[in-house]
Amino acid sequence: PEGTTYTLEYRLASLSEWKDYKTVAKGTLLALINYSTINQYHFRLRADRSGLSTYSEELHFYGTVPEKPRNFKAALSGSDRVILTWEDMSSTEDGYYIYRTADNGTRRLLAYVDKDSDKYVDDSPVPGSTSRYEITAFNTAGETAPVVVSVNIPNIAQFKDIASHKWAHDAIYTLYGRNAVQWNNGYFRPDATITKGEAVRWILRSFNIGYQKKGLFTISDLSASHAYYQDLSTAVTMGIIHPDRLDRIYPDKVMTRRDIVLLLNDTLNCLGIPIFSSSTEILDSFTDRGQVTSSESHIIASFINTGIISGKQGKRLALQDAATRAECAAIIYRTLKYYGIN
């Protein structure tokens, strides 16, 4: 623009003062700058006009490639999820590249990961393959040599009793892939009801929430021998479920659709994820709107407006109906998808 000058500024350290390198009023600003392996340049452009200045984003140039990440590990989480972790050893990387080579020898760039990251989830591994993962750190000076780890990916099993529940297939197999749903000789039992303990396990594993060893509460109706003891005690410790005044949690209670929604709401709250804020007017379109309490109406409305739950026959929310295993899997899966939880 007329009357504007542009100045390239630079500094050699993040806390040093900016210095002017070159200024232009017209045409293209071209700068040729020598560097050595010890240089760490910081650049920015300053625009000046009528005594006012604005600045571009900073660019960084490093004379050497960053240090390679260490302790690169791959862990299976079910049949269709590989969790990659590593130690970030450098402060000069611009990011990481993650590559995957399957049995057929094809190597492809799987992901670009931001700097200072230490985790990536591959949610589409090749079933039945031995996959080789590589990670490199890069910056303006180049890319490091790869760090490599291999993992055997199991074949995806097929449940025998869900053919008539195609609407829940993605949900069921996603939860199975996250090791939340068990194989049980190939029978999922989609129309069976689900208990509190089982629902809590599905949620903890689907959301990748690890067990907490030390709890602050005494649970009067949960013994250490209970099948879901670790899951339920973890959920109590983290505030996902709440004992009553007699310290009871009713571990074998059959869950309703309402219970599943509230459990997921408390899980999101525990993870610091705010639910989508929406008007409660949508509740008025359901015949059983009167069963929704005022204190829960914003939660239920949010889960409806995000498409996580819907009415039965389009008219009833049926929140007091017992939740089937297929329904529970679908509600968890839609929550994971909407809130982008890997």
Protein backbone atom coordinates (compact mmCIF):
# COMPACT_ATOMS: atom_id res chain seq x y z
CA PRO A 1 0.00 0.00 0.00
CA GLU A 2 1.08 3.57 -0.69
CA GLY A 3 3.10 5.07 2.15
CA THR A 4 3.93 1.74 3.83
CA THR A 5 7.46 0.45 4.38
CA TYR A 6 8.41 -3.10 5.30
CA THR A 7 11.39 -4.02 7.46
CA LEU A 8 12.85 -7.46 8.05
CA GLU A 9 13.82 -7.77 11.72
CA TYR A 10 15.92 -10.53 13.25
CA ARG A 11 17.41 -11.71 16.51
CA LEU A 12 19.67 -14.61 17.46
CA ALA A 13 18.01 -15.59 20.72
CA SER A 14 14.43 -15.53 21.91
CA LEU A 15 15.10 -12.92 24.61
CA SER A 16 17.51 -10.65 22.73
CA GLU A 17 16.50 -7.34 21.14
CA TRP A 18 15.13 -7.22 17.61
CA LYS A 19 17.41 -5.62 15.02
CA ASP A 20 16.55 -4.17 11.61
CA TYR A 21 18.09 -6.03 8.67
CA LYS A 22 16.58 -4.47 5.55
CA THR A 23 13.77 -2.04 4.67
CA VAL A 24 11.86 -1.61 1.41
CA ALA A 25 9.07 0.75 0.35
CA LYS A 26 8.29 -0.84 -3.03
CA GLY A 27 8.89 -4.12 -4.81
CA THR A 28 10.09 -7.34 -3.19
CA LEU A 29 12.13 -7.60 0.00
CA LEU A 30 14.96 -10.06 -0.64
CA ALA A 31 17.48 -10.93 2.08
CA LEU A 32 20.46 -13.30 1.83
CA ILE A 33 21.74 -14.22 5.30
CA ASN A 34 24.71 -16.38 6.19
CA TYR A 35 24.36 -18.88 8.99
CA SER A 36 26.33 -21.56 10.81
CA THR A 37 25.28 -24.69 12.68
CA ILE A 38 25.08 -22.75 15.95
CA ASN A 39 22.69 -20.07 14.65
CA GLN A 40 19.08 -19.91 15.77
CA TYR A 41 17.55 -17.01 13.90
CA HIS A 42 14.17 -15.46 14.67
CA PHE A 43 12.61 -13.37 11.89
CA ARG A 44 9.58 -11.13 11.58
CA LEU A 45 8.34 -8.38 9.28
CA ARG A 46 7.37 -4.94 10.53
CA ALA A 47 5.01 -2.75 8.53
CA ASP A 48 5.25 1.02 9.22
CA ARG A 49 2.78 3.64 8.10
CA SER A 50 2.09 7.10 9.50
CA GLY A 51 3.90 6.33 12.73
CA LEU A 52 2.01 3.07 13.35
CA SER A 53 3.58 -0.40 13.23
CA THR A 54 2.22 -3.91 12.88
CA TYR A 55 4.11 -7.21 12.92
CA SER A 56 3.91 -10.53 11.12
CA GLU A 57 4.12 -13.92 12.79
CA GLU A 58 7.62 -15.01 13.73
CA LEU A 59 9.62 -17.45 11.65
CA HIS A 60 12.46 -19.49 13.11
CA PHE A 61 15.54 -20.86 11.42
CA TYR A 62 17.86 -23.34 13.09
CA GLY A 63 21.34 -24.17 11.84
CA THR A 64 20.99 -27.87 12.68
CA VAL A 65 18.20 -30.41 12.71
CA PRO A 66 16.55 -31.06 16.08
CA GLU A 67 17.44 -33.95 18.36
CA LYS A 68 15.66 -37.21 17.61
CA PRO A 69 12.74 -38.19 19.88
CA ARG A 70 13.44 -41.04 22.30
CA ASN A 71 11.54 -44.00 23.74
CA PHE A 72 9.26 -44.32 20.73
CA LYS A 73 6.64 -46.92 21.64
CA ALA A 74 3.56 -48.45 20.04
CA ALA A 75 0.76 -49.92 22.16
CA LEU A 76 -2.33 -51.73 20.88
CA SER A 77 -5.65 -50.58 22.23
CA GLY A 78 -7.92 -53.26 20.85
CA SER A 79 -7.87 -54.31 17.20
CA ASP A 80 -8.10 -50.99 15.36
CA ARG A 81 -6.21 -48.47 17.45
CA VAL A 82 -2.45 -48.03 17.93
CA ILE A 83 -1.23 -45.49 20.47
CA LEU A 84 2.21 -44.07 19.65
CA THR A 85 4.16 -42.25 22.36
CA TRP A 86 7.62 -40.72 22.56
CA GLU A 87 9.79 -38.34 24.57
CA ASP A 88 10.26 -34.84 23.17
CA MET A 89 14.01 -34.26 23.50
CA SER A 90 14.36 -30.95 21.64
CA SER A 91 13.17 -27.36 21.83
CA THR A 92 14.07 -26.59 18.22
CA GLU A 93 11.67 -28.85 16.30
CA ASP A 94 8.89 -27.39 14.18
CA GLY A 95 6.98 -30.65 14.44
CA TYR A 96 7.07 -34.39 13.78
CA TYR A 97 6.35 -36.62 10.80
CA ILE A 98 4.94 -40.08 11.46
CA TYR A 99 5.25 -42.75 8.75
CA ARG A 100 3.75 -46.23 8.51
CA THR A 101 4.97 -49.16 6.44
CA ALA A 102 2.62 -52.15 6.18
CA ASP A 103 3.42 -55.71 5.06
CA ASN A 104 3.23 -54.81 1.36
CA GLY A 105 6.23 -52.50 1.80
CA THR A 106 4.38 -49.28 1.03
CA ARG A 107 5.67 -46.44 3.18
CA ARG A 108 3.39 -43.45 3.56
CA LEU A 109 3.28 -40.30 5.61
CA LEU A 110 0.62 -41.00 8.21
CA ALA A 111 0.50 -37.69 10.06
CA TYR A 112 2.08 -34.34 10.82
CA VAL A 113 2.16 -33.67 14.56
CA ASP A 114 2.75 -30.28 16.16
CA LYS A 115 5.93 -29.50 18.08
CA ASP A 116 6.10 -30.39 21.79
CA SER A 117 3.66 -33.28 21.21
CA ASP A 118 4.38 -36.71 22.67
CA LYS A 119 1.43 -38.83 21.48
CA TYR A 120 -0.41 -39.84 18.32
CA VAL A 121 -3.26 -42.33 17.82
CA ASP A 122 -3.48 -44.32 14.59
CA ASP A 123 -7.17 -45.22 14.38
CA SER A 124 -6.94 -46.90 10.98
CA PRO A 125 -4.15 -49.49 11.15
CA VAL A 126 -4.03 -52.31 8.59
CA PRO A 127 -5.75 -55.37 10.14
CA GLY A 128 -3.69 -58.55 10.21
CA SER A 129 -0.43 -56.78 9.37
CA THR A 130 2.87 -56.13 11.04
CA SER A 131 3.09 -52.37 10.82
CA ARG A 132 6.36 -50.48 11.07
CA TYR A 133 6.02 -46.96 12.45
CA GLU A 134 8.68 -44.28 12.09
CA ILE A 135 8.90 -40.86 13.67
CA THR A 136 11.17 -37.98 12.67
CA ALA A 137 11.55 -34.49 14.06
CA PHE A 138 12.05 -31.63 11.61
CA ASN A 139 12.74 -27.92 11.38
CA THR A 140 14.01 -25.52 8.72
CA ALA A 141 17.43 -27.21 8.70
CA GLY A 142 15.98 -30.61 7.80
CA GLU A 143 14.62 -33.86 9.15
CA THR A 144 16.20 -36.28 11.62
CA ALA A 145 16.85 -39.92 10.93
CA PRO A 146 13.77 -41.99 11.81
CA VAL A 147 13.16 -43.77 15.09
CA VAL A 148 11.37 -47.06 14.41
CA VAL A 149 8.97 -49.41 16.21
CA SER A 150 6.89 -52.34 14.88
CA VAL A 151 3.63 -53.81 16.12
CA ASN A 152 1.43 -56.73 15.06
CA ILE A 153 -2.13 -55.63 14.22
CA PRO A 154 -4.75 -58.35 14.80
CA ASN A 155 -7.53 -59.10 12.36
CA ILE A 156 -10.92 -57.54 13.15
CA ALA A 157 -13.35 -60.16 14.42
CA GLN A 158 -17.01 -60.22 13.35
CA PHE A 159 -19.80 -60.51 15.92
CA LYS A 160 -22.40 -63.17 15.14
CA ASP A 161 -25.55 -61.54 16.50
CA ILE A 162 -25.61 -57.93 15.26
CA ALA A 163 -26.72 -58.37 11.64
CA SER A 164 -30.07 -56.71 12.39
CA HIS A 165 -28.36 -53.79 14.16
CA LYS A 166 -26.48 -52.23 11.24
CA TRP A 167 -27.10 -48.76 12.69
CA ALA A 168 -24.84 -49.72 15.62
CA HIS A 169 -22.06 -51.55 13.72
CA ASP A 170 -19.60 -48.64 13.65
CA ALA A 171 -20.20 -48.02 17.34
CA ILE A 172 -19.83 -51.66 18.39
CA TYR A 173 -16.67 -52.26 16.40
CA THR A 174 -15.14 -48.95 17.51
CA LEU A 175 -15.67 -49.87 21.16
CA TYR A 176 -14.39 -53.37 20.48
CA GLY A 177 -11.31 -51.85 18.86
CA ARG A 178 -10.73 -49.75 21.97
CA ASN A 179 -10.88 -52.88 24.13
CA ALA A 180 -14.05 -51.64 25.82
CA VAL A 181 -16.34 -54.36 24.45
CA GLN A 182 -15.33 -57.98 25.01
CA TRP A 183 -15.47 -60.76 22.41
CA ASN A 184 -17.56 -63.25 24.45
CA ASN A 185 -17.22 -66.01 21.84
CA GLY A 186 -18.51 -63.66 19.17
CA TYR A 187 -21.79 -62.72 20.83
CA PHE A 188 -22.40 -59.05 21.60
CA ARG A 189 -26.00 -59.40 22.91
CA PRO A 190 -27.15 -56.08 21.40
CA ASP A 191 -30.65 -56.11 22.94
CA ALA A 192 -29.57 -57.03 26.47
CA THR A 193 -29.62 -54.29 29.09
CA ILE A 194 -26.39 -52.88 30.46
CA THR A 195 -25.35 -52.50 34.10
CA LYS A 196 -23.64 -49.54 35.69
CA GLY A 197 -20.36 -51.37 36.12
CA GLU A 198 -20.24 -52.47 32.51
CA ALA A 199 -21.21 -49.02 31.19
CA VAL A 200 -18.49 -47.38 33.28
CA ARG A 201 -15.88 -49.79 31.92
CA TRP A 202 -16.96 -49.09 28.34
CA ILE A 203 -16.65 -45.35 28.93
CA LEU A 204 -13.29 -45.44 30.72
CA ARG A 205 -11.71 -47.58 28.03
CA SER A 206 -13.33 -45.71 25.15
CA PHE A 207 -12.09 -42.39 26.53
CA ASN A 208 -8.67 -43.88 27.35
CA ILE A 209 -9.01 -43.09 31.07
CA GLY A 210 -6.61 -45.17 33.17
CA TYR A 211 -7.37 -46.70 36.54
CA GLN A 212 -6.77 -44.56 39.62
CA LYS A 213 -5.20 -46.50 42.48
CA LYS A 214 -6.01 -44.20 45.38
CA GLY A 215 -9.59 -43.27 46.09
CA LEU A 216 -10.85 -40.66 48.53
CA PHE A 217 -14.20 -42.37 49.11
CA THR A 218 -15.43 -45.49 50.87
CA ILE A 219 -18.02 -47.32 48.77
CA SER A 220 -20.29 -49.36 50.99
CA ASP A 221 -21.81 -51.61 48.29
CA LEU A 222 -18.73 -52.39 46.18
CA SER A 223 -16.41 -55.21 47.18
CA ALA A 224 -12.86 -55.60 45.92
CA SER A 225 -13.91 -58.88 44.28
CA HIS A 226 -16.54 -57.23 42.07
CA ALA A 227 -15.88 -57.69 38.33
CA TYR A 228 -15.91 -53.92 37.77
CA TYR A 229 -14.30 -52.84 41.07
CA GLN A 230 -11.38 -50.95 39.48
CA ASP A 231 -13.62 -49.27 36.92
CA LEU A 232 -16.22 -48.11 39.42
CA SER A 233 -13.76 -47.02 42.11
CA THR A 234 -11.84 -45.04 39.46
CA ALA A 235 -15.06 -43.36 38.31
CA VAL A 236 -15.90 -42.40 41.90
CA THR A 237 -12.40 -41.03 42.50
CA MET A 238 -12.57 -38.92 39.34
CA GLY A 239 -16.09 -37.62 40.01
CA ILE A 240 -17.70 -39.43 37.10
CA ILE A 241 -20.15 -41.20 39.41
CA HIS A 242 -21.27 -40.03 42.82
CA PRO A 243 -22.13 -42.15 45.90
CA ASP A 244 -25.39 -41.42 47.73
CA ARG A 245 -25.50 -40.28 51.36
CA LEU A 246 -24.93 -43.86 52.51
CA ASP A 247 -21.89 -44.23 50.21
CA ARG A 248 -23.72 -46.55 47.82
CA ILE A 249 -23.25 -46.54 44.03
CA TYR A 250 -25.42 -49.55 43.03
CA PRO A 251 -22.83 -51.24 40.80
CA ASP A 252 -25.26 -53.75 39.27
CA LYS A 253 -28.07 -51.28 38.54
CA VAL A 254 -29.59 -51.54 35.06
CA MET A 255 -28.84 -48.25 33.33
CA THR A 256 -31.47 -46.10 31.64
CA ARG A 257 -30.89 -43.92 28.60
CA ARG A 258 -30.87 -40.93 30.97
CA ASP A 259 -28.20 -42.59 33.14
CA ILE A 260 -25.91 -43.09 30.13
CA VAL A 261 -26.26 -39.45 29.05
CA LEU A 262 -25.52 -38.14 32.54
CA LEU A 263 -22.57 -40.51 32.88
CA LEU A 264 -21.10 -39.19 29.63
CA ASN A 265 -21.77 -35.60 30.66
CA ASP A 266 -19.83 -36.16 33.90
CA THR A 267 -17.03 -37.86 31.94
CA LEU A 268 -16.67 -34.86 29.63
CA ASN A 269 -16.73 -32.56 32.66
CA CYS A 270 -14.01 -34.66 34.32
CA LEU A 271 -11.85 -34.28 31.19
CA GLY A 272 -12.42 -30.52 31.09
CA ILE A 273 -14.47 -30.67 27.89
CA PRO A 274 -17.49 -28.31 27.94
CA ILE A 275 -20.62 -29.70 26.34
CA PHE A 276 -22.19 -27.93 23.38
CA SER A 277 -24.43 -25.15 24.68
CA SER A 278 -27.90 -25.16 23.15
CA SER A 279 -31.44 -23.95 23.71
CA THR A 280 -33.79 -26.24 25.64
CA GLU A 281 -36.66 -25.46 23.27
CA ILE A 282 -35.99 -28.65 21.34
CA LEU A 283 -37.30 -30.64 24.31
CA ASP A 284 -40.81 -29.31 23.65
CA SER A 285 -41.06 -31.44 20.50
CA PHE A 286 -41.12 -34.66 22.54
CA THR A 287 -44.24 -36.07 24.21
CA ASP A 288 -42.36 -37.04 27.41
CA ARG A 289 -40.65 -33.69 27.86
CA GLY A 290 -42.19 -33.50 31.36
CA GLN A 291 -39.85 -36.28 32.54
CA VAL A 292 -36.82 -34.02 32.05
CA THR A 293 -36.00 -32.06 35.21
CA SER A 294 -35.10 -28.40 34.93
CA SER A 295 -31.61 -29.07 36.32
CA GLU A 296 -30.89 -31.60 33.56
CA SER A 297 -32.71 -29.96 30.66
CA HIS A 298 -29.62 -28.17 29.26
CA ILE A 299 -27.66 -31.45 29.29
CA ILE A 300 -30.38 -33.45 27.54
CA ALA A 301 -30.93 -30.63 25.01
CA SER A 302 -27.22 -30.56 24.24
CA PHE A 303 -27.09 -34.31 23.56
CA ILE A 304 -30.12 -34.02 21.28
CA ASN A 305 -28.86 -31.01 19.32
CA THR A 306 -25.49 -32.65 18.73
CA GLY A 307 -27.18 -35.78 17.36
CA ILE A 308 -25.81 -38.01 20.12
CA ILE A 309 -29.31 -39.11 21.16
CA SER A 310 -32.63 -39.01 19.37
CA GLY A 311 -36.23 -39.85 20.17
CA LYS A 312 -37.85 -43.24 19.71
CA GLN A 313 -40.26 -43.17 16.81
CA GLY A 314 -39.25 -39.51 16.70
CA LYS A 315 -41.67 -38.60 19.47
CA ARG A 316 -40.41 -39.99 22.79
CA LEU A 317 -37.06 -39.37 24.40
CA ALA A 318 -37.66 -42.51 26.45
CA LEU A 319 -35.03 -41.44 28.97
CA GLN A 320 -36.45 -43.74 31.62
CA ASP A 321 -36.26 -46.81 29.37
CA ALA A 322 -33.53 -49.32 30.11
CA ALA A 323 -30.59 -48.81 27.77
CA THR A 324 -29.65 -51.76 25.58
CA ARG A 325 -26.04 -52.63 24.94
CA ALA A 326 -26.39 -51.49 21.32
CA GLU A 327 -27.91 -48.15 22.40
CA CYS A 328 -25.17 -47.58 24.97
CA ALA A 329 -22.44 -48.33 22.43
CA ALA A 330 -24.02 -45.92 19.94
CA ILE A 331 -24.35 -43.08 22.47
CA ILE A 332 -20.73 -43.47 23.58
CA TYR A 333 -19.51 -43.66 19.97
CA ARG A 334 -21.41 -40.54 18.89
CA THR A 335 -20.00 -38.66 21.89
CA LEU A 336 -16.46 -39.68 20.96
CA LYS A 337 -17.02 -38.55 17.36
CA TYR A 338 -18.70 -35.24 18.14
CA TYR A 339 -16.07 -34.16 20.66
CA GLY A 340 -13.15 -35.51 18.60
CA ILE A 341 -11.78 -37.83 21.26
CA ASN A 342 -9.06 -40.22 20.04
